[in-house]
Amino acid sequence: MIPGLVWLSVARISRAASDQQEQATVDRVASLFSSKSSIGTVKMQISNEDGQRDLSMKIWSLGDKVLVRIVSPQDEAGTAILKEGCDIRYYLPKSN
């Protein structure tokens, strides 16, 4: 009976070590897809009961700062949102 308990304990310790190795591998791979800064283009399709419209945005990020600028449609182009930490600012070109 004692060898069985020892085997179960060793199996648990071995599994815990394996879980830690797996988590370390996942963390390493995740770090490959994250960076301190990024630039991207996003296209969004918005649908509701009134119809559908497309929106295209350019997004820049650096640390905790994010700038989102609408590229299209033309009547909304130039509208921007700047997020710095907890502060959010909007730029609405139509309002000068």
PDB file of N, CA and C in Angstrom:
ATOM      1  N   MET A   1       0.807  -1.186   0.000  1.00  0.00           N
ATOM      2  CA  MET A   1       0.000   0.000   0.000  1.00  0.00           C
ATOM      3  C   MET A   1       0.860   1.263   0.000  1.00  0.00           C
ATOM      4  N   ILE A   2       1.933   1.265   0.739  1.00  0.00           N
ATOM      5  CA  ILE A   2       2.805   2.433   0.815  1.00  0.00           C
ATOM      6  C   ILE A   2       3.422   2.731  -0.561  1.00  0.00           C
ATOM      7  N   PRO A   3       3.912   1.720  -1.292  1.00  0.00           N
ATOM      8  CA  PRO A   3       4.434   2.054  -2.625  1.00  0.00           C
ATOM      9  C   PRO A   3       3.372   2.705  -3.515  1.00  0.00           C
ATOM     10  N   GLY A   4       2.100   2.323  -3.366  1.00  0.00           N
ATOM     11  CA  GLY A   4       1.026   2.930  -4.149  1.00  0.00           C
ATOM     12  C   GLY A   4       0.847   4.398  -3.798  1.00  0.00           C
ATOM     13  N   LEU A   5       0.913   4.738  -2.519  1.00  0.00           N
ATOM     14  CA  LEU A   5       0.795   6.128  -2.094  1.00  0.00           C
ATOM     15  C   LEU A   5       1.982   6.953  -2.586  1.00  0.00           C
ATOM     16  N   VAL A   6       3.165   6.368  -2.517  1.00  0.00           N
ATOM     17  CA  VAL A   6       4.353   7.057  -3.012  1.00  0.00           C
ATOM     18  C   VAL A   6       4.212   7.320  -4.510  1.00  0.00           C
ATOM     19  N   TRP A   7       3.742   6.308  -5.244  1.00  0.00           N
ATOM     20  CA  TRP A   7       3.565   6.460  -6.696  1.00  0.00           C
ATOM     21  C   TRP A   7       2.568   7.569  -7.016  1.00  0.00           C
ATOM     22  N   LEU A   8       1.441   7.632  -6.262  1.00  0.00           N
ATOM     23  CA  LEU A   8       0.458   8.695  -6.469  1.00  0.00           C
ATOM     24  C   LEU A   8       1.049  10.065  -6.178  1.00  0.00           C
ATOM     25  N   SER A   9       1.855  10.178  -5.118  1.00  0.00           N
ATOM     26  CA  SER A   9       2.489  11.451  -4.774  1.00  0.00           C
ATOM     27  C   SER A   9       3.457  11.880  -5.855  1.00  0.00           C
ATOM     28  N   VAL A  10       4.259  10.951  -6.335  1.00  0.00           N
ATOM     29  CA  VAL A  10       5.217  11.243  -7.403  1.00  0.00           C
ATOM     30  C   VAL A  10       4.474  11.658  -8.664  1.00  0.00           C
ATOM     31  N   ALA A  11       3.359  10.985  -8.973  1.00  0.00           N
ATOM     32  CA  ALA A  11       2.571  11.315 -10.162  1.00  0.00           C
ATOM     33  C   ALA A  11       2.019  12.733 -10.052  1.00  0.00           C
ATOM     34  N   ARG A  12       1.537  13.117  -8.863  1.00  0.00           N
ATOM     35  CA  ARG A  12       1.012  14.475  -8.674  1.00  0.00           C
ATOM     36  C   ARG A  12       2.111  15.520  -8.827  1.00  0.00           C
ATOM     37  N   ILE A  13       3.264  15.266  -8.223  1.00  0.00           N
ATOM     38  CA  ILE A  13       4.394  16.196  -8.332  1.00  0.00           C
ATOM     39  C   ILE A  13       4.835  16.295  -9.787  1.00  0.00           C
ATOM     40  N   SER A  14       4.906  15.164 -10.461  1.00  0.00           N
ATOM     41  CA  SER A  14       5.299  15.150 -11.867  1.00  0.00           C
ATOM     42  C   SER A  14       4.307  15.930 -12.709  1.00  0.00           C
ATOM     43  N   ARG A  15       3.013  15.765 -12.442  1.00  0.00           N
ATOM     44  CA  ARG A  15       1.966  16.474 -13.201  1.00  0.00           C
ATOM     45  C   ARG A  15       2.048  17.969 -12.950  1.00  0.00           C
ATOM     46  N   ALA A  16       2.307  18.366 -11.700  1.00  0.00           N
ATOM     47  CA  ALA A  16       2.441  19.785 -11.375  1.00  0.00           C
ATOM     48  C   ALA A  16       3.618  20.392 -12.116  1.00  0.00           C
ATOM     49  N   ALA A  17       4.735  19.683 -12.176  1.00  0.00           N
ATOM     50  CA  ALA A  17       5.903  20.166 -12.917  1.00  0.00           C
ATOM     51  C   ALA A  17       5.571  20.274 -14.394  1.00  0.00           C
ATOM     52  N   SER A  18       4.838  19.291 -14.905  1.00  0.00           N
ATOM     53  CA  SER A  18       4.441  19.307 -16.307  1.00  0.00           C
ATOM     54  C   SER A  18       3.529  20.495 -16.586  1.00  0.00           C
ATOM     55  N   ASP A  19       2.567  20.770 -15.680  1.00  0.00           N
ATOM     56  CA  ASP A  19       1.675  21.920 -15.830  1.00  0.00           C
ATOM     57  C   ASP A  19       2.463  23.221 -15.862  1.00  0.00           C
ATOM     58  N   GLN A  20       3.480  23.333 -15.001  1.00  0.00           N
ATOM     59  CA  GLN A  20       4.304  24.539 -14.969  1.00  0.00           C
ATOM     60  C   GLN A  20       5.081  24.697 -16.273  1.00  0.00           C
ATOM     61  N   GLN A  21       5.604  23.600 -16.797  1.00  0.00           N
ATOM     62  CA  GLN A  21       6.327  23.648 -18.067  1.00  0.00           C
ATOM     63  C   GLN A  21       5.394  24.042 -19.202  1.00  0.00           C
ATOM     64  N   GLU A  22       4.190  23.479 -19.180  1.00  0.00           N
ATOM     65  CA  GLU A  22       3.216  23.825 -20.213  1.00  0.00           C
ATOM     66  C   GLU A  22       2.839  25.296 -20.127  1.00  0.00           C
ATOM     67  N   GLN A  23       2.622  25.800 -18.916  1.00  0.00           N
ATOM     68  CA  GLN A  23       2.272  27.202 -18.741  1.00  0.00           C
ATOM     69  C   GLN A  23       3.420  28.100 -19.186  1.00  0.00           C
ATOM     70  N   ALA A  24       4.650  27.723 -18.889  1.00  0.00           N
ATOM     71  CA  ALA A  24       5.811  28.503 -19.319  1.00  0.00           C
ATOM     72  C   ALA A  24       5.886  28.546 -20.838  1.00  0.00           C
ATOM     73  N   THR A  25       5.585  27.424 -21.489  1.00  0.00           N
ATOM     74  CA  THR A  25       5.595  27.385 -22.952  1.00  0.00           C
ATOM     75  C   THR A  25       4.509  28.288 -23.522  1.00  0.00           C
ATOM     76  N   VAL A  26       3.314  28.222 -22.956  1.00  0.00           N
ATOM     77  CA  VAL A  26       2.210  29.071 -23.415  1.00  0.00           C
ATOM     78  C   VAL A  26       2.565  30.543 -23.215  1.00  0.00           C
ATOM     79  N   ASP A  27       3.155  30.888 -22.075  1.00  0.00           N
ATOM     80  CA  ASP A  27       3.554  32.273 -21.806  1.00  0.00           C
ATOM     81  C   ASP A  27       4.601  32.754 -22.808  1.00  0.00           C
ATOM     82  N   ARG A  28       5.577  31.891 -23.146  1.00  0.00           N
ATOM     83  CA  ARG A  28       6.600  32.262 -24.135  1.00  0.00           C
ATOM     84  C   ARG A  28       5.982  32.528 -25.493  1.00  0.00           C
ATOM     85  N   VAL A  29       5.072  31.666 -25.923  1.00  0.00           N
ATOM     86  CA  VAL A  29       4.421  31.841 -27.219  1.00  0.00           C
ATOM     87  C   VAL A  29       3.560  33.103 -27.207  1.00  0.00           C
ATOM     88  N   ALA A  30       2.816  33.346 -26.124  1.00  0.00           N
ATOM     89  CA  ALA A  30       1.982  34.545 -26.025  1.00  0.00           C
ATOM     90  C   ALA A  30       2.833  35.807 -26.108  1.00  0.00           C
ATOM     91  N   SER A  31       4.022  35.785 -25.513  1.00  0.00           N
ATOM     92  CA  SER A  31       4.884  36.967 -25.547  1.00  0.00           C
ATOM     93  C   SER A  31       5.362  37.280 -26.962  1.00  0.00           C
ATOM     94  N   LEU A  32       5.393  36.282 -27.838  1.00  0.00           N
ATOM     95  CA  LEU A  32       5.776  36.515 -29.226  1.00  0.00           C
ATOM     96  C   LEU A  32       4.736  37.348 -29.965  1.00  0.00           C
ATOM     97  N   PHE A  33       3.478  37.291 -29.495  1.00  0.00           N
ATOM     98  CA  PHE A  33       2.396  38.002 -30.151  1.00  0.00           C
ATOM     99  C   PHE A  33       2.057  39.326 -29.480  1.00  0.00           C
ATOM    100  N   SER A  34       2.796  39.705 -28.464  1.00  0.00           N
ATOM    101  CA  SER A  34       2.544  40.981 -27.805  1.00  0.00           C
ATOM    102  C   SER A  34       3.793  41.848 -27.918  1.00  0.00           C
ATOM    103  N   SER A  35       3.571  43.146 -27.892  1.00  0.00           N
ATOM    104  CA  SER A  35       4.701  44.065 -27.980  1.00  0.00           C
ATOM    105  C   SER A  35       4.351  45.340 -27.226  1.00  0.00           C
ATOM    106  N   LYS A  36       5.311  46.223 -27.124  1.00  0.00           N
ATOM    107  CA  LYS A  36       5.079  47.490 -26.449  1.00  0.00           C
ATOM    108  C   LYS A  36       4.354  48.475 -27.342  1.00  0.00           C
ATOM    109  N   SER A  37       4.408  48.245 -28.649  1.00  0.00           N
ATOM    110  CA  SER A  37       3.722  49.135 -29.574  1.00  0.00           C
ATOM    111  C   SER A  37       3.168  48.335 -30.748  1.00  0.00           C
ATOM    112  N   SER A  38       2.153  48.914 -31.397  1.00  0.00           N
ATOM    113  CA  SER A  38       1.578  48.248 -32.556  1.00  0.00           C
ATOM    114  C   SER A  38       0.847  49.250 -33.425  1.00  0.00           C
ATOM    115  N   ILE A  39       0.663  48.871 -34.686  1.00  0.00           N
ATOM    116  CA  ILE A  39      -0.120  49.645 -35.642  1.00  0.00           C
ATOM    117  C   ILE A  39      -0.987  48.640 -36.382  1.00  0.00           C
ATOM    118  N   GLY A  40      -2.257  48.982 -36.553  1.00  0.00           N
ATOM    119  CA  GLY A  40      -3.139  48.056 -37.250  1.00  0.00           C
ATOM    120  C   GLY A  40      -4.276  48.777 -37.936  1.00  0.00           C
ATOM    121  N   THR A  41      -4.861  48.099 -38.889  1.00  0.00           N
ATOM    122  CA  THR A  41      -6.045  48.590 -39.576  1.00  0.00           C
ATOM    123  C   THR A  41      -7.176  47.621 -39.278  1.00  0.00           C
ATOM    124  N   VAL A  42      -8.320  48.171 -38.899  1.00  0.00           N
ATOM    125  CA  VAL A  42      -9.472  47.348 -38.549  1.00  0.00           C
ATOM    126  C   VAL A  42     -10.642  47.754 -39.431  1.00  0.00           C
ATOM    127  N   LYS A  43     -11.315  46.762 -39.974  1.00  0.00           N
ATOM    128  CA  LYS A  43     -12.540  47.010 -40.728  1.00  0.00           C
ATOM    129  C   LYS A  43     -13.676  46.374 -39.959  1.00  0.00           C
ATOM    130  N   MET A  44     -14.724  47.157 -39.712  1.00  0.00           N
ATOM    131  CA  MET A  44     -15.831  46.693 -38.904  1.00  0.00           C
ATOM    132  C   MET A  44     -17.126  46.855 -39.697  1.00  0.00           C
ATOM    133  N   GLN A  45     -17.961  45.857 -39.618  1.00  0.00           N
ATOM    134  CA  GLN A  45     -19.269  45.903 -40.263  1.00  0.00           C
ATOM    135  C   GLN A  45     -20.316  45.986 -39.164  1.00  0.00           C
ATOM    136  N   ILE A  46     -21.103  47.049 -39.194  1.00  0.00           N
ATOM    137  CA  ILE A  46     -22.104  47.280 -38.163  1.00  0.00           C
ATOM    138  C   ILE A  46     -23.479  47.017 -38.763  1.00  0.00           C
ATOM    139  N   SER A  47     -24.227  46.120 -38.135  1.00  0.00           N
ATOM    140  CA  SER A  47     -25.571  45.783 -38.616  1.00  0.00           C
ATOM    141  C   SER A  47     -26.579  46.010 -37.507  1.00  0.00           C
ATOM    142  N   ASN A  48     -27.716  46.611 -37.868  1.00  0.00           N
ATOM    143  CA  ASN A  48     -28.832  46.743 -36.939  1.00  0.00           C
ATOM    144  C   ASN A  48     -30.125  46.732 -37.738  1.00  0.00           C
ATOM    145  N   GLU A  49     -31.245  47.035 -37.072  1.00  0.00           N
ATOM    146  CA  GLU A  49     -32.531  46.958 -37.767  1.00  0.00           C
ATOM    147  C   GLU A  49     -32.664  47.989 -38.880  1.00  0.00           C
ATOM    148  N   ASP A  50     -31.845  49.057 -38.847  1.00  0.00           N
ATOM    149  CA  ASP A  50     -31.893  50.089 -39.888  1.00  0.00           C
ATOM    150  C   ASP A  50     -31.037  49.757 -41.094  1.00  0.00           C
ATOM    151  N   GLY A  51     -30.213  48.742 -41.004  1.00  0.00           N
ATOM    152  CA  GLY A  51     -29.358  48.371 -42.130  1.00  0.00           C
ATOM    153  C   GLY A  51     -27.958  48.013 -41.690  1.00  0.00           C
ATOM    154  N   GLN A  52     -27.021  48.270 -42.587  1.00  0.00           N
ATOM    155  CA  GLN A  52     -25.640  47.873 -42.357  1.00  0.00           C
ATOM    156  C   GLN A  52     -24.714  48.980 -42.848  1.00  0.00           C
ATOM    157  N   ARG A  53     -23.590  49.154 -42.163  1.00  0.00           N
ATOM    158  CA  ARG A  53     -22.580  50.103 -42.633  1.00  0.00           C
ATOM    159  C   ARG A  53     -21.202  49.571 -42.298  1.00  0.00           C
ATOM    160  N   ASP A  54     -20.220  50.012 -43.050  1.00  0.00           N
ATOM    161  CA  ASP A  54     -18.837  49.591 -42.870  1.00  0.00           C
ATOM    162  C   ASP A  54     -18.028  50.748 -42.309  1.00  0.00           C
ATOM    163  N   LEU A  55     -17.103  50.420 -41.434  1.00  0.00           N
ATOM    164  CA  LEU A  55     -16.246  51.413 -40.807  1.00  0.00           C
ATOM    165  C   LEU A  55     -14.821  50.894 -40.877  1.00  0.00           C
ATOM    166  N   SER A  56     -13.887  51.748 -41.281  1.00  0.00           N
ATOM    167  CA  SER A  56     -12.477  51.373 -41.338  1.00  0.00           C
ATOM    168  C   SER A  56     -11.698  52.308 -40.418  1.00  0.00           C
ATOM    169  N   MET A  57     -10.831  51.731 -39.579  1.00  0.00           N
ATOM    170  CA  MET A  57     -10.080  52.509 -38.599  1.00  0.00           C
ATOM    171  C   MET A  57      -8.609  52.129 -38.616  1.00  0.00           C
ATOM    172  N   LYS A  58      -7.777  53.076 -38.303  1.00  0.00           N
ATOM    173  CA  LYS A  58      -6.356  52.843 -38.101  1.00  0.00           C
ATOM    174  C   LYS A  58      -6.116  52.973 -36.603  1.00  0.00           C
ATOM    175  N   ILE A  59      -5.356  52.029 -36.032  1.00  0.00           N
ATOM    176  CA  ILE A  59      -5.123  52.013 -34.586  1.00  0.00           C
ATOM    177  C   ILE A  59      -3.623  51.966 -34.310  1.00  0.00           C
ATOM    178  N   TRP A  60      -3.170  52.882 -33.448  1.00  0.00           N
ATOM    179  CA  TRP A  60      -1.778  52.895 -32.991  1.00  0.00           C
ATOM    180  C   TRP A  60      -1.788  52.693 -31.483  1.00  0.00           C
ATOM    181  N   SER A  61      -0.842  51.913 -30.965  1.00  0.00           N
ATOM    182  CA  SER A  61      -0.732  51.770 -29.514  1.00  0.00           C
ATOM    183  C   SER A  61       0.739  51.826 -29.106  1.00  0.00           C
ATOM    184  N   LEU A  62       0.956  52.409 -27.943  1.00  0.00           N
ATOM    185  CA  LEU A  62       2.290  52.488 -27.349  1.00  0.00           C
ATOM    186  C   LEU A  62       2.111  52.460 -25.847  1.00  0.00           C
ATOM    187  N   GLY A  63       2.460  51.330 -25.233  1.00  0.00           N
ATOM    188  CA  GLY A  63       2.251  51.181 -23.796  1.00  0.00           C
ATOM    189  C   GLY A  63       0.773  51.274 -23.468  1.00  0.00           C
ATOM    190  N   ASP A  64       0.404  52.208 -22.573  1.00  0.00           N
ATOM    191  CA  ASP A  64      -1.009  52.355 -22.209  1.00  0.00           C
ATOM    192  C   ASP A  64      -1.715  53.436 -23.024  1.00  0.00           C
ATOM    193  N   LYS A  65      -1.086  53.901 -24.106  1.00  0.00           N
ATOM    194  CA  LYS A  65      -1.679  54.914 -24.976  1.00  0.00           C
ATOM    195  C   LYS A  65      -2.196  54.250 -26.250  1.00  0.00           C
ATOM    196  N   VAL A  66      -3.418  54.614 -26.641  1.00  0.00           N
ATOM    197  CA  VAL A  66      -4.020  54.070 -27.854  1.00  0.00           C
ATOM    198  C   VAL A  66      -4.681  55.213 -28.616  1.00  0.00           C
ATOM    199  N   LEU A  67      -4.398  55.297 -29.913  1.00  0.00           N
ATOM    200  CA  LEU A  67      -5.035  56.271 -30.793  1.00  0.00           C
ATOM    201  C   LEU A  67      -5.808  55.511 -31.856  1.00  0.00           C
ATOM    202  N   VAL A  68      -7.095  55.818 -31.982  1.00  0.00           N
ATOM    203  CA  VAL A  68      -7.948  55.217 -32.999  1.00  0.00           C
ATOM    204  C   VAL A  68      -8.438  56.340 -33.893  1.00  0.00           C
ATOM    205  N   ARG A  69      -8.217  56.200 -35.201  1.00  0.00           N
ATOM    206  CA  ARG A  69      -8.651  57.231 -36.150  1.00  0.00           C
ATOM    207  C   ARG A  69      -9.493  56.586 -37.235  1.00  0.00           C
ATOM    208  N   ILE A  70     -10.685  57.107 -37.443  1.00  0.00           N
ATOM    209  CA  ILE A  70     -11.566  56.569 -38.478  1.00  0.00           C
ATOM    210  C   ILE A  70     -11.073  57.018 -39.842  1.00  0.00           C
ATOM    211  N   VAL A  71     -10.958  56.059 -40.756  1.00  0.00           N
ATOM    212  CA  VAL A  71     -10.477  56.318 -42.109  1.00  0.00           C
ATOM    213  C   VAL A  71     -11.654  56.440 -43.081  1.00  0.00           C
ATOM    214  N   SER A  72     -12.652  55.587 -42.920  1.00  0.00           N
ATOM    215  CA  SER A  72     -13.830  55.642 -43.776  1.00  0.00           C
ATOM    216  C   SER A  72     -15.028  55.119 -42.997  1.00  0.00           C
ATOM    217  N   PRO A  73     -16.215  55.565 -43.335  1.00  0.00           N
ATOM    218  CA  PRO A  73     -16.661  56.296 -44.519  1.00  0.00           C
ATOM    219  C   PRO A  73     -16.210  57.758 -44.469  1.00  0.00           C
ATOM    220  N   GLN A  74     -16.223  58.384 -45.609  1.00  0.00           N
ATOM    221  CA  GLN A  74     -15.696  59.737 -45.758  1.00  0.00           C
ATOM    222  C   GLN A  74     -16.338  60.734 -44.793  1.00  0.00           C
ATOM    223  N   ASP A  75     -17.639  60.620 -44.546  1.00  0.00           N
ATOM    224  CA  ASP A  75     -18.302  61.589 -43.658  1.00  0.00           C
ATOM    225  C   ASP A  75     -17.880  61.456 -42.197  1.00  0.00           C
ATOM    226  N   GLU A  76     -17.231  60.353 -41.815  1.00  0.00           N
ATOM    227  CA  GLU A  76     -16.730  60.185 -40.450  1.00  0.00           C
ATOM    228  C   GLU A  76     -15.201  60.185 -40.387  1.00  0.00           C
ATOM    229  N   ALA A  77     -14.545  60.251 -41.550  1.00  0.00           N
ATOM    230  CA  ALA A  77     -13.080  60.207 -41.599  1.00  0.00           C
ATOM    231  C   ALA A  77     -12.477  61.345 -40.784  1.00  0.00           C
ATOM    232  N   GLY A  78     -11.414  61.035 -40.060  1.00  0.00           N
ATOM    233  CA  GLY A  78     -10.731  62.025 -39.242  1.00  0.00           C
ATOM    234  C   GLY A  78     -11.164  62.018 -37.786  1.00  0.00           C
ATOM    235  N   THR A  79     -12.324  61.466 -37.493  1.00  0.00           N
ATOM    236  CA  THR A  79     -12.765  61.344 -36.107  1.00  0.00           C
ATOM    237  C   THR A  79     -11.757  60.459 -35.378  1.00  0.00           C
ATOM    238  N   ALA A  80     -11.377  60.863 -34.171  1.00  0.00           N
ATOM    239  CA  ALA A  80     -10.331  60.122 -33.461  1.00  0.00           C
ATOM    240  C   ALA A  80     -10.648  60.002 -31.979  1.00  0.00           C
ATOM    241  N   ILE A  81     -10.100  58.957 -31.393  1.00  0.00           N
ATOM    242  CA  ILE A  81     -10.193  58.719 -29.959  1.00  0.00           C
ATOM    243  C   ILE A  81      -8.778  58.453 -29.452  1.00  0.00           C
ATOM    244  N   LEU A  82      -8.381  59.166 -28.415  1.00  0.00           N
ATOM    245  CA  LEU A  82      -7.078  58.974 -27.791  1.00  0.00           C
ATOM    246  C   LEU A  82      -7.302  58.515 -26.370  1.00  0.00           C
ATOM    247  N   LYS A  83      -6.721  57.383 -26.014  1.00  0.00           N
ATOM    248  CA  LYS A  83      -6.819  56.857 -24.649  1.00  0.00           C
ATOM    249  C   LYS A  83      -5.419  56.829 -24.054  1.00  0.00           C
ATOM    250  N   GLU A  84      -5.248  57.531 -22.931  1.00  0.00           N
ATOM    251  CA  GLU A  84      -3.985  57.530 -22.187  1.00  0.00           C
ATOM    252  C   GLU A  84      -4.306  57.127 -20.757  1.00  0.00           C
ATOM    253  N   GLY A  85      -3.958  55.893 -20.397  1.00  0.00           N
ATOM    254  CA  GLY A  85      -4.311  55.400 -19.068  1.00  0.00           C
ATOM    255  C   GLY A  85      -5.818  55.389 -18.915  1.00  0.00           C
ATOM    256  N   CYS A  86      -6.330  56.139 -17.941  1.00  0.00           N
ATOM    257  CA  CYS A  86      -7.786  56.215 -17.722  1.00  0.00           C
ATOM    258  C   CYS A  86      -8.435  57.388 -18.453  1.00  0.00           C
ATOM    259  N   ASP A  87      -7.624  58.274 -19.046  1.00  0.00           N
ATOM    260  CA  ASP A  87      -8.151  59.444 -19.751  1.00  0.00           C
ATOM    261  C   ASP A  87      -8.501  59.086 -21.189  1.00  0.00           C
ATOM    262  N   ILE A  88      -9.671  59.551 -21.632  1.00  0.00           N
ATOM    263  CA  ILE A  88     -10.102  59.336 -23.010  1.00  0.00           C
ATOM    264  C   ILE A  88     -10.489  60.681 -23.594  1.00  0.00           C
ATOM    265  N   ARG A  89      -9.948  60.980 -24.770  1.00  0.00           N
ATOM    266  CA  ARG A  89     -10.252  62.235 -25.465  1.00  0.00           C
ATOM    267  C   ARG A  89     -10.788  61.914 -26.850  1.00  0.00           C
ATOM    268  N   TYR A  90     -11.740  62.728 -27.281  1.00  0.00           N
ATOM    269  CA  TYR A  90     -12.336  62.550 -28.610  1.00  0.00           C
ATOM    270  C   TYR A  90     -11.999  63.760 -29.461  1.00  0.00           C
ATOM    271  N   TYR A  91     -11.740  63.537 -30.739  1.00  0.00           N
ATOM    272  CA  TYR A  91     -11.568  64.613 -31.700  1.00  0.00           C
ATOM    273  C   TYR A  91     -12.643  64.447 -32.755  1.00  0.00           C
ATOM    274  N   LEU A  92     -13.484  65.457 -32.872  1.00  0.00           N
ATOM    275  CA  LEU A  92     -14.578  65.439 -33.835  1.00  0.00           C
ATOM    276  C   LEU A  92     -14.348  66.562 -34.837  1.00  0.00           C
ATOM    277  N   PRO A  93     -13.813  66.259 -36.025  1.00  0.00           N
ATOM    278  CA  PRO A  93     -13.481  67.288 -36.985  1.00  0.00           C
ATOM    279  C   PRO A  93     -14.688  68.124 -37.440  1.00  0.00           C
ATOM    280  N   LYS A  94     -15.877  67.567 -37.406  1.00  0.00           N
ATOM    281  CA  LYS A  94     -17.078  68.309 -37.815  1.00  0.00           C
ATOM    282  C   LYS A  94     -17.386  69.450 -36.855  1.00  0.00           C
ATOM    283  N   SER A  95     -16.929  69.337 -35.615  1.00  0.00           N
ATOM    284  CA  SER A  95     -17.221  70.388 -34.632  1.00  0.00           C
ATOM    285  C   SER A  95     -16.119  71.429 -34.549  1.00  0.00           C
ATOM    286  N   ASN A  96     -15.106  71.304 -35.420  1.00  0.00           N
ATOM    287  CA  ASN A  96     -13.961  72.224 -35.427  1.00  0.00           C
ATOM    288  C   ASN A  96     -13.300  72.268 -34.070  1.00  0.00           C
TER     289      ASN A  96
END
